[in-house]
Amino acid sequence: MSSIELTPSQKNILQELVNLYRESESAVKGEDIADKVDRNPGTIRNQMQSLKALQLVEGVPGPKGGYKPTATAYDALQIEDMDQAANVPLAHNGEQISDANVAEIDLTSVHHPEQCRAEIKLQGSIADFHEGDTITVGPTPLSKLRIIGTLNGKDDTNNKLILTIDDMRAPAEEPEQ
């Protein structure tokens, strides 16, 4: 399938729509998206017109209306829409975050002798995370990997948290004999 080229603004708005839709499982109002991405509701409405033309969003009319992402939206954002995704816990300053799930962990600087960073892609909003916050990821389902780090930055466009890793553990299994 051909890839749809989105502007950073469109990608950010579409990502937030997907996050809010996952939380509510109902149509998302433009005002709610505007609050999350710190934009004017009129700007959101304008962007939604172009996202509708790209068949990434469908409009839902009526008092409970708003916007819903299409299957193509998940493809454009490279999100796997799994019905039963394994839960990878996330804690923010020691508090479990129930409305977010870790979608991907990238260790970006394992070759660097003095710094170790991780990019954590979330399914859920990253709006309430701030530089210097303590983030705990995991344990992951299979390897039981657990990462504790300090938030160094955010990539709002790709819904990623960038951490400096303070501690990382994966328990070793006993070898079978």
N, C-alpha and C. Protein backbone atom coordinates (compact mmCIF):
# COMPACT_ATOMS: atom_id res chain seq x y z
N MET A 1 0.84 -1.19 0.00
CA MET A 1 0.00 0.00 0.00
C MET A 1 0.88 1.25 0.00
N SER A 2 0.47 2.26 -0.75
CA SER A 2 1.28 3.47 -0.83
C SER A 2 1.15 4.28 0.46
N SER A 3 2.22 4.92 0.81
CA SER A 3 2.28 5.68 2.04
C SER A 3 1.69 7.08 1.80
N ILE A 4 0.92 7.57 2.74
CA ILE A 4 0.34 8.90 2.63
C ILE A 4 1.28 9.87 3.33
N GLU A 5 1.66 10.94 2.63
CA GLU A 5 2.55 11.95 3.20
C GLU A 5 1.70 12.97 3.96
N LEU A 6 1.94 13.09 5.25
CA LEU A 6 1.22 14.05 6.08
C LEU A 6 2.18 15.12 6.57
N THR A 7 1.66 16.33 6.77
CA THR A 7 2.46 17.39 7.38
C THR A 7 2.59 17.04 8.87
N PRO A 8 3.60 17.59 9.55
CA PRO A 8 3.71 17.33 11.00
C PRO A 8 2.44 17.71 11.76
N SER A 9 1.81 18.81 11.36
CA SER A 9 0.57 19.24 12.02
C SER A 9 -0.55 18.23 11.81
N GLN A 10 -0.72 17.75 10.57
CA GLN A 10 -1.75 16.74 10.29
C GLN A 10 -1.48 15.46 11.07
N LYS A 11 -0.21 15.06 11.11
CA LYS A 11 0.16 13.83 11.81
C LYS A 11 -0.15 13.95 13.31
N ASN A 12 0.18 15.10 13.87
CA ASN A 12 -0.06 15.36 15.29
C ASN A 12 -1.55 15.31 15.61
N ILE A 13 -2.36 15.97 14.78
CA ILE A 13 -3.81 15.99 14.98
C ILE A 13 -4.40 14.60 14.82
N LEU A 14 -3.97 13.88 13.80
CA LEU A 14 -4.47 12.52 13.56
C LEU A 14 -4.08 11.59 14.71
N GLN A 15 -2.84 11.72 15.21
CA GLN A 15 -2.38 10.90 16.33
C GLN A 15 -3.24 11.16 17.57
N GLU A 16 -3.54 12.43 17.82
CA GLU A 16 -4.35 12.77 19.00
C GLU A 16 -5.77 12.26 18.84
N LEU A 17 -6.31 12.32 17.61
CA LEU A 17 -7.64 11.76 17.34
C LEU A 17 -7.66 10.27 17.67
N VAL A 18 -6.64 9.54 17.22
CA VAL A 18 -6.55 8.10 17.49
C VAL A 18 -6.48 7.86 19.00
N ASN A 19 -5.65 8.64 19.70
CA ASN A 19 -5.52 8.49 21.16
C ASN A 19 -6.85 8.71 21.87
N LEU A 20 -7.52 9.80 21.53
CA LEU A 20 -8.80 10.13 22.18
C LEU A 20 -9.88 9.12 21.81
N TYR A 21 -9.87 8.66 20.56
CA TYR A 21 -10.85 7.67 20.11
C TYR A 21 -10.66 6.35 20.87
N ARG A 22 -9.42 5.96 21.10
CA ARG A 22 -9.15 4.73 21.86
C ARG A 22 -9.67 4.84 23.28
N GLU A 23 -9.54 6.03 23.88
CA GLU A 23 -10.00 6.23 25.26
C GLU A 23 -11.51 6.18 25.35
N SER A 24 -12.20 6.85 24.42
CA SER A 24 -13.66 7.00 24.52
C SER A 24 -14.44 5.98 23.72
N GLU A 25 -13.83 5.43 22.66
CA GLU A 25 -14.50 4.51 21.73
C GLU A 25 -15.77 5.12 21.13
N SER A 26 -15.78 6.45 21.05
CA SER A 26 -16.88 7.15 20.39
C SER A 26 -16.29 8.35 19.65
N ALA A 27 -17.13 8.99 18.84
CA ALA A 27 -16.66 10.12 18.03
C ALA A 27 -16.02 11.19 18.93
N VAL A 28 -14.95 11.79 18.43
CA VAL A 28 -14.18 12.77 19.20
C VAL A 28 -14.48 14.16 18.67
N LYS A 29 -14.80 15.08 19.56
CA LYS A 29 -15.11 16.45 19.17
C LYS A 29 -13.82 17.21 18.82
N GLY A 30 -13.94 18.09 17.83
CA GLY A 30 -12.80 18.89 17.40
C GLY A 30 -12.21 19.72 18.53
N GLU A 31 -13.07 20.20 19.44
CA GLU A 31 -12.61 21.01 20.58
C GLU A 31 -11.68 20.19 21.48
N ASP A 32 -12.00 18.89 21.66
CA ASP A 32 -11.16 18.04 22.51
C ASP A 32 -9.78 17.85 21.90
N ILE A 33 -9.75 17.69 20.57
CA ILE A 33 -8.46 17.55 19.88
C ILE A 33 -7.70 18.87 20.00
N ALA A 34 -8.40 20.00 19.80
CA ALA A 34 -7.78 21.33 19.88
C ALA A 34 -7.12 21.53 21.24
N ASP A 35 -7.79 21.11 22.32
CA ASP A 35 -7.22 21.25 23.67
C ASP A 35 -5.92 20.46 23.80
N LYS A 36 -5.91 19.26 23.26
CA LYS A 36 -4.74 18.38 23.40
C LYS A 36 -3.54 18.85 22.59
N VAL A 37 -3.79 19.39 21.40
CA VAL A 37 -2.67 19.81 20.54
C VAL A 37 -2.39 21.31 20.61
N ASP A 38 -3.11 22.00 21.51
CA ASP A 38 -2.91 23.43 21.73
C ASP A 38 -3.10 24.23 20.44
N ARG A 39 -4.23 23.98 19.78
CA ARG A 39 -4.58 24.69 18.55
C ARG A 39 -6.01 25.22 18.70
N ASN A 40 -6.37 26.12 17.82
CA ASN A 40 -7.71 26.68 17.77
C ASN A 40 -8.67 25.63 17.18
N PRO A 41 -9.91 25.50 17.71
CA PRO A 41 -10.87 24.54 17.14
C PRO A 41 -11.12 24.76 15.65
N GLY A 42 -11.06 26.01 15.18
CA GLY A 42 -11.24 26.30 13.75
C GLY A 42 -10.12 25.69 12.92
N THR A 43 -8.92 25.72 13.45
CA THR A 43 -7.77 25.10 12.77
C THR A 43 -7.99 23.60 12.65
N ILE A 44 -8.50 23.00 13.72
CA ILE A 44 -8.76 21.55 13.71
C ILE A 44 -9.81 21.22 12.65
N ARG A 45 -10.89 22.01 12.60
CA ARG A 45 -11.93 21.77 11.59
C ARG A 45 -11.34 21.84 10.18
N ASN A 46 -10.50 22.85 9.93
CA ASN A 46 -9.87 22.98 8.61
C ASN A 46 -8.99 21.78 8.29
N GLN A 47 -8.18 21.35 9.25
CA GLN A 47 -7.30 20.20 9.03
C GLN A 47 -8.12 18.93 8.81
N MET A 48 -9.24 18.82 9.52
CA MET A 48 -10.08 17.62 9.38
C MET A 48 -10.64 17.50 7.96
N GLN A 49 -10.90 18.64 7.31
CA GLN A 49 -11.38 18.60 5.93
C GLN A 49 -10.35 17.93 5.03
N SER A 50 -9.09 18.30 5.19
CA SER A 50 -8.05 17.67 4.35
C SER A 50 -7.84 16.21 4.75
N LEU A 51 -7.95 15.89 6.03
CA LEU A 51 -7.81 14.49 6.47
C LEU A 51 -8.98 13.65 5.97
N LYS A 52 -10.17 14.27 5.88
CA LYS A 52 -11.34 13.55 5.31
C LYS A 52 -11.11 13.28 3.83
N ALA A 53 -10.56 14.27 3.12
CA ALA A 53 -10.30 14.11 1.69
C ALA A 53 -9.29 12.98 1.44
N LEU A 54 -8.39 12.77 2.39
CA LEU A 54 -7.41 11.68 2.29
C LEU A 54 -7.97 10.35 2.81
N GLN A 55 -9.24 10.38 3.21
CA GLN A 55 -9.95 9.20 3.75
C GLN A 55 -9.28 8.65 5.00
N LEU A 56 -8.75 9.55 5.84
CA LEU A 56 -8.12 9.16 7.10
C LEU A 56 -9.07 9.36 8.27
N VAL A 57 -10.09 10.18 8.04
CA VAL A 57 -11.02 10.56 9.09
C VAL A 57 -12.43 10.52 8.53
N GLU A 58 -13.38 10.10 9.36
CA GLU A 58 -14.77 10.24 8.94
C GLU A 58 -15.50 11.11 9.95
N GLY A 59 -16.37 11.96 9.43
CA GLY A 59 -17.15 12.85 10.28
C GLY A 59 -18.42 12.15 10.73
N VAL A 60 -18.79 12.37 11.99
CA VAL A 60 -20.01 11.79 12.54
C VAL A 60 -20.93 12.96 12.88
N PRO A 61 -22.08 13.07 12.17
CA PRO A 61 -22.97 14.20 12.42
C PRO A 61 -23.79 14.02 13.71
N GLY A 62 -24.37 15.13 14.17
CA GLY A 62 -25.29 15.06 15.31
C GLY A 62 -24.67 15.55 16.60
N PRO A 63 -25.52 15.63 17.65
CA PRO A 63 -25.05 16.17 18.94
C PRO A 63 -23.93 15.34 19.58
N LYS A 64 -23.91 14.05 19.31
CA LYS A 64 -22.83 13.21 19.85
C LYS A 64 -21.77 12.97 18.78
N GLY A 65 -21.77 13.84 17.78
CA GLY A 65 -20.88 13.68 16.64
C GLY A 65 -19.47 14.13 16.92
N GLY A 66 -18.69 14.08 15.87
CA GLY A 66 -17.28 14.45 15.95
C GLY A 66 -16.54 13.75 14.83
N TYR A 67 -15.38 13.22 15.16
CA TYR A 67 -14.53 12.57 14.16
C TYR A 67 -14.09 11.20 14.65
N LYS A 68 -13.93 10.29 13.67
CA LYS A 68 -13.41 8.96 13.97
C LYS A 68 -12.29 8.65 12.98
N PRO A 69 -11.22 8.00 13.45
CA PRO A 69 -10.16 7.62 12.52
C PRO A 69 -10.61 6.41 11.68
N THR A 70 -10.17 6.35 10.45
CA THR A 70 -10.47 5.19 9.60
C THR A 70 -9.31 4.19 9.73
N ALA A 71 -9.49 3.01 9.16
CA ALA A 71 -8.41 2.01 9.16
C ALA A 71 -7.18 2.56 8.45
N THR A 72 -7.41 3.39 7.43
CA THR A 72 -6.30 4.00 6.69
C THR A 72 -5.48 4.92 7.58
N ALA A 73 -6.14 5.54 8.57
CA ALA A 73 -5.44 6.43 9.50
C ALA A 73 -4.40 5.64 10.30
N TYR A 74 -4.77 4.45 10.74
CA TYR A 74 -3.83 3.62 11.49
C TYR A 74 -2.64 3.24 10.62
N ASP A 75 -2.91 2.95 9.34
CA ASP A 75 -1.83 2.63 8.40
C ASP A 75 -0.91 3.84 8.20
N ALA A 76 -1.52 5.01 8.02
CA ALA A 76 -0.74 6.22 7.78
C ALA A 76 0.16 6.55 8.97
N LEU A 77 -0.31 6.26 10.18
CA LEU A 77 0.48 6.52 11.38
C LEU A 77 1.36 5.32 11.75
N GLN A 78 1.25 4.26 10.95
CA GLN A 78 2.00 3.03 11.19
C GLN A 78 1.71 2.46 12.57
N ILE A 79 0.41 2.41 12.90
CA ILE A 79 -0.05 1.84 14.16
C ILE A 79 -0.73 0.53 13.86
N GLU A 80 -0.36 -0.50 14.57
CA GLU A 80 -1.06 -1.77 14.43
C GLU A 80 -2.31 -1.68 15.28
N ASP A 81 -3.45 -1.87 14.67
CA ASP A 81 -4.72 -1.81 15.40
C ASP A 81 -5.06 -3.22 15.87
N MET A 82 -4.41 -3.64 16.94
CA MET A 82 -4.65 -4.98 17.46
C MET A 82 -5.79 -4.93 18.46
N ASP A 83 -6.72 -5.88 18.33
CA ASP A 83 -7.83 -5.93 19.27
C ASP A 83 -7.34 -6.27 20.68
N GLN A 84 -6.44 -7.22 20.77
CA GLN A 84 -5.94 -7.67 22.07
C GLN A 84 -4.43 -7.46 22.17
N ALA A 85 -4.00 -6.22 22.13
CA ALA A 85 -2.57 -5.94 22.27
C ALA A 85 -2.14 -6.25 23.69
N ALA A 86 -0.96 -6.83 23.84
CA ALA A 86 -0.43 -7.11 25.17
C ALA A 86 -0.20 -5.78 25.89
N ASN A 87 -0.53 -5.75 27.15
CA ASN A 87 -0.38 -4.54 27.93
C ASN A 87 1.06 -4.41 28.41
N VAL A 88 1.69 -3.30 28.08
CA VAL A 88 3.02 -2.99 28.60
C VAL A 88 2.83 -1.78 29.49
N PRO A 89 2.93 -1.98 30.82
CA PRO A 89 2.64 -0.90 31.76
C PRO A 89 3.58 0.29 31.62
N LEU A 90 3.06 1.44 32.04
CA LEU A 90 3.81 2.68 32.01
C LEU A 90 3.49 3.44 33.29
N ALA A 91 4.53 3.91 33.98
CA ALA A 91 4.33 4.73 35.18
C ALA A 91 4.98 6.09 34.94
N HIS A 92 4.30 7.12 35.40
CA HIS A 92 4.74 8.50 35.23
C HIS A 92 4.94 9.08 36.63
N ASN A 93 6.17 9.38 36.99
CA ASN A 93 6.51 9.84 38.35
C ASN A 93 5.94 8.90 39.41
N GLY A 94 6.06 7.60 39.17
CA GLY A 94 5.65 6.58 40.13
C GLY A 94 4.18 6.19 40.08
N GLU A 95 3.39 6.86 39.26
CA GLU A 95 1.95 6.59 39.17
C GLU A 95 1.63 5.85 37.88
N GLN A 96 0.95 4.69 38.00
CA GLN A 96 0.59 3.91 36.82
C GLN A 96 -0.36 4.71 35.93
N ILE A 97 -0.12 4.66 34.62
CA ILE A 97 -0.97 5.34 33.64
C ILE A 97 -1.83 4.26 32.98
N SER A 98 -3.13 4.30 33.24
CA SER A 98 -4.00 3.23 32.74
C SER A 98 -4.47 3.47 31.30
N ASP A 99 -4.50 4.73 30.86
CA ASP A 99 -5.03 5.01 29.52
C ASP A 99 -3.93 5.17 28.47
N ALA A 100 -2.77 4.58 28.74
CA ALA A 100 -1.68 4.57 27.75
C ALA A 100 -1.05 3.19 27.73
N ASN A 101 -0.58 2.79 26.58
CA ASN A 101 0.10 1.51 26.43
C ASN A 101 1.35 1.75 25.59
N VAL A 102 2.42 1.07 25.95
CA VAL A 102 3.66 1.19 25.20
C VAL A 102 3.54 0.38 23.93
N ALA A 103 3.72 1.02 22.78
CA ALA A 103 3.60 0.34 21.50
C ALA A 103 4.96 -0.13 20.99
N GLU A 104 6.01 0.61 21.35
CA GLU A 104 7.33 0.32 20.78
C GLU A 104 8.42 0.89 21.69
N ILE A 105 9.52 0.16 21.82
CA ILE A 105 10.69 0.64 22.56
C ILE A 105 11.88 0.57 21.61
N ASP A 106 12.53 1.71 21.39
CA ASP A 106 13.74 1.75 20.56
C ASP A 106 14.90 2.21 21.42
N LEU A 107 15.95 1.39 21.49
CA LEU A 107 17.18 1.79 22.18
C LEU A 107 18.05 2.48 21.13
N THR A 108 18.14 3.80 21.23
CA THR A 108 18.71 4.58 20.13
C THR A 108 20.20 4.83 20.23
N SER A 109 20.81 4.62 21.39
CA SER A 109 22.23 4.95 21.50
C SER A 109 23.01 3.89 22.26
N VAL A 110 22.72 2.63 22.00
CA VAL A 110 23.40 1.56 22.73
C VAL A 110 24.91 1.54 22.44
N HIS A 111 25.32 2.08 21.31
CA HIS A 111 26.75 2.10 20.96
C HIS A 111 27.51 3.22 21.65
N HIS A 112 26.81 4.18 22.24
CA HIS A 112 27.46 5.33 22.86
C HIS A 112 28.02 4.94 24.23
N PRO A 113 29.29 5.27 24.52
CA PRO A 113 29.90 4.80 25.76
C PRO A 113 29.37 5.45 27.04
N GLU A 114 28.77 6.64 26.95
CA GLU A 114 28.39 7.34 28.17
C GLU A 114 26.91 7.63 28.31
N GLN A 115 26.17 7.51 27.26
CA GLN A 115 24.74 7.78 27.40
C GLN A 115 23.94 6.65 26.79
N CYS A 116 22.81 6.41 27.39
CA CYS A 116 21.92 5.37 26.88
C CYS A 116 20.53 5.98 26.82
N ARG A 117 19.95 5.97 25.65
CA ARG A 117 18.63 6.57 25.46
C ARG A 117 17.65 5.55 24.91
N ALA A 118 16.39 5.82 25.18
CA ALA A 118 15.33 4.99 24.63
C ALA A 118 14.23 5.91 24.11
N GLU A 119 13.63 5.52 22.99
CA GLU A 119 12.44 6.20 22.49
C GLU A 119 11.28 5.27 22.75
N ILE A 120 10.28 5.77 23.46
CA ILE A 120 9.11 4.99 23.83
C ILE A 120 7.91 5.52 23.05
N LYS A 121 7.39 4.72 22.13
CA LYS A 121 6.21 5.13 21.36
C LYS A 121 4.98 4.67 22.13
N LEU A 122 4.06 5.61 22.36
CA LEU A 122 2.87 5.31 23.15
C LEU A 122 1.62 5.26 22.30
N GLN A 123 0.67 4.46 22.76
CA GLN A 123 -0.71 4.54 22.31
C GLN A 123 -1.40 5.24 23.47
N GLY A 124 -1.71 6.49 23.30
CA GLY A 124 -2.26 7.32 24.37
C GLY A 124 -1.57 8.67 24.30
N SER A 125 -2.13 9.64 24.98
CA SER A 125 -1.63 11.00 24.90
C SER A 125 -0.30 11.17 25.65
N ILE A 126 0.59 11.99 25.09
CA ILE A 126 1.84 12.32 25.77
C ILE A 126 1.83 13.77 26.25
N ALA A 127 0.66 14.41 26.20
CA ALA A 127 0.56 15.84 26.53
C ALA A 127 0.96 16.16 27.97
N ASP A 128 0.70 15.26 28.92
CA ASP A 128 0.95 15.55 30.33
C ASP A 128 2.36 15.17 30.80
N PHE A 129 3.21 14.74 29.89
CA PHE A 129 4.58 14.38 30.24
C PHE A 129 5.49 15.59 30.01
N HIS A 130 6.43 15.80 30.96
CA HIS A 130 7.30 16.97 30.87
C HIS A 130 8.75 16.58 31.14
N GLU A 131 9.67 17.35 30.57
CA GLU A 131 11.09 17.08 30.72
C GLU A 131 11.46 16.97 32.20
N GLY A 132 12.25 15.95 32.53
CA GLY A 132 12.68 15.73 33.91
C GLY A 132 11.81 14.73 34.66
N ASP A 133 10.64 14.38 34.11
CA ASP A 133 9.75 13.40 34.76
C ASP A 133 10.42 12.03 34.77
N THR A 134 10.08 11.22 35.78
CA THR A 134 10.57 9.85 35.84
C THR A 134 9.56 8.94 35.17
N ILE A 135 10.04 8.13 34.24
CA ILE A 135 9.19 7.23 33.46
C ILE A 135 9.65 5.80 33.70
N THR A 136 8.70 4.91 34.01
CA THR A 136 9.00 3.49 34.16
C THR A 136 8.19 2.74 33.11
N VAL A 137 8.87 1.94 32.31
CA VAL A 137 8.24 1.17 31.24
C VAL A 137 8.41 -0.31 31.56
N GLY A 138 7.31 -1.05 31.43
CA GLY A 138 7.40 -2.51 31.58
C GLY A 138 6.94 -2.97 32.94
N PRO A 139 7.04 -4.26 33.12
CA PRO A 139 7.77 -5.24 32.33
C PRO A 139 7.05 -5.61 31.03
N THR A 140 7.85 -5.87 29.99
CA THR A 140 7.29 -6.30 28.70
C THR A 140 6.82 -7.75 28.83
N PRO A 141 5.86 -8.18 27.99
CA PRO A 141 5.25 -9.50 28.16
C PRO A 141 6.22 -10.68 28.05
N LEU A 142 7.11 -10.66 27.09
CA LEU A 142 7.93 -11.84 26.84
C LEU A 142 9.24 -11.82 27.63
N SER A 143 10.03 -10.77 27.47
CA SER A 143 11.35 -10.74 28.10
C SER A 143 11.34 -10.14 29.50
N LYS A 144 10.21 -9.58 29.91
CA LYS A 144 10.09 -8.92 31.23
C LYS A 144 11.04 -7.73 31.37
N LEU A 145 11.37 -7.10 30.23
CA LEU A 145 12.25 -5.93 30.23
C LEU A 145 11.56 -4.79 30.97
N ARG A 146 12.34 -4.13 31.84
CA ARG A 146 11.84 -2.98 32.58
C ARG A 146 12.87 -1.85 32.44
N ILE A 147 12.38 -0.68 32.05
CA ILE A 147 13.26 0.48 31.86
C ILE A 147 12.78 1.61 32.77
N ILE A 148 13.73 2.20 33.48
CA ILE A 148 13.44 3.38 34.29
C ILE A 148 14.32 4.49 33.74
N GLY A 149 13.70 5.62 33.42
CA GLY A 149 14.47 6.70 32.83
C GLY A 149 13.91 8.07 33.15
N THR A 150 14.65 9.07 32.75
CA THR A 150 14.26 10.47 32.94
C THR A 150 13.88 11.02 31.57
N LEU A 151 12.71 11.67 31.52
CA LEU A 151 12.24 12.22 30.25
C LEU A 151 13.16 13.35 29.81
N ASN A 152 13.71 13.18 28.61
CA ASN A 152 14.66 14.12 28.06
C ASN A 152 14.02 14.99 26.98
N GLY A 153 12.93 14.50 26.38
CA GLY A 153 12.25 15.23 25.32
C GLY A 153 11.05 14.45 24.82
N LYS A 154 10.27 15.10 23.96
CA LYS A 154 9.09 14.46 23.38
C LYS A 154 9.09 14.69 21.88
N ASP A 155 8.59 13.70 21.16
CA ASP A 155 8.37 13.83 19.72
C ASP A 155 6.86 13.74 19.54
N ASP A 156 6.19 14.91 19.60
CA ASP A 156 4.72 14.95 19.53
C ASP A 156 4.20 14.39 18.22
N THR A 157 4.93 14.61 17.14
CA THR A 157 4.49 14.17 15.83
C THR A 157 4.40 12.65 15.75
N ASN A 158 5.35 11.95 16.38
CA ASN A 158 5.37 10.49 16.34
C ASN A 158 4.91 9.85 17.65
N ASN A 159 4.41 10.68 18.58
CA ASN A 159 3.88 10.20 19.86
C ASN A 159 4.93 9.41 20.64
N LYS A 160 6.13 9.96 20.73
CA LYS A 160 7.23 9.27 21.41
C LYS A 160 7.77 10.10 22.58
N LEU A 161 8.16 9.38 23.63
CA LEU A 161 8.88 9.96 24.75
C LEU A 161 10.35 9.59 24.57
N ILE A 162 11.25 10.53 24.78
CA ILE A 162 12.68 10.26 24.65
C ILE A 162 13.28 10.28 26.05
N LEU A 163 13.81 9.13 26.46
CA LEU A 163 14.31 8.97 27.82
C LEU A 163 15.82 8.82 27.86
N THR A 164 16.42 9.33 28.92
CA THR A 164 17.77 8.96 29.29
C THR A 164 17.59 7.81 30.26
N ILE A 165 18.16 6.64 29.96
CA ILE A 165 17.92 5.45 30.77
C ILE A 165 18.75 5.52 32.05
N ASP A 166 18.06 5.37 33.20
CA ASP A 166 18.72 5.33 34.50
C ASP A 166 18.96 3.89 34.93
N ASP A 167 18.03 3.00 34.57
CA ASP A 167 18.16 1.59 34.94
C ASP A 167 17.38 0.75 33.93
N MET A 168 17.93 -0.39 33.58
CA MET A 168 17.25 -1.29 32.64
C MET A 168 17.55 -2.72 33.09
N ARG A 169 16.47 -3.53 33.23
CA ARG A 169 16.64 -4.91 33.69
C ARG A 169 15.77 -5.85 32.89
N ALA A 170 16.33 -7.02 32.63
CA ALA A 170 15.58 -8.12 32.03
C ALA A 170 16.09 -9.38 32.72
N PRO A 171 15.25 -10.03 33.52
CA PRO A 171 15.73 -11.20 34.27
C PRO A 171 16.19 -12.31 33.33
N ALA A 172 17.31 -12.91 33.66
CA ALA A 172 17.83 -14.02 32.85
C ALA A 172 17.12 -15.31 33.26
N GLU A 173 16.77 -16.10 32.26
CA GLU A 173 16.12 -17.39 32.51
C GLU A 173 17.19 -18.42 32.82
N GLU A 174 16.82 -19.39 33.66
CA GLU A 174 17.72 -20.50 33.93
C GLU A 174 17.87 -21.33 32.67
N PRO A 175 19.09 -21.72 32.30
CA PRO A 175 19.25 -22.55 31.09
C PRO A 175 18.64 -23.93 31.30
N GLU A 176 17.98 -24.42 30.25
CA GLU A 176 17.38 -25.75 30.32
C GLU A 176 18.45 -26.81 30.11
N GLN A 177 18.37 -27.91 30.90
CA GLN A 177 19.38 -28.97 30.78
C GLN A 177 18.77 -30.27 30.38
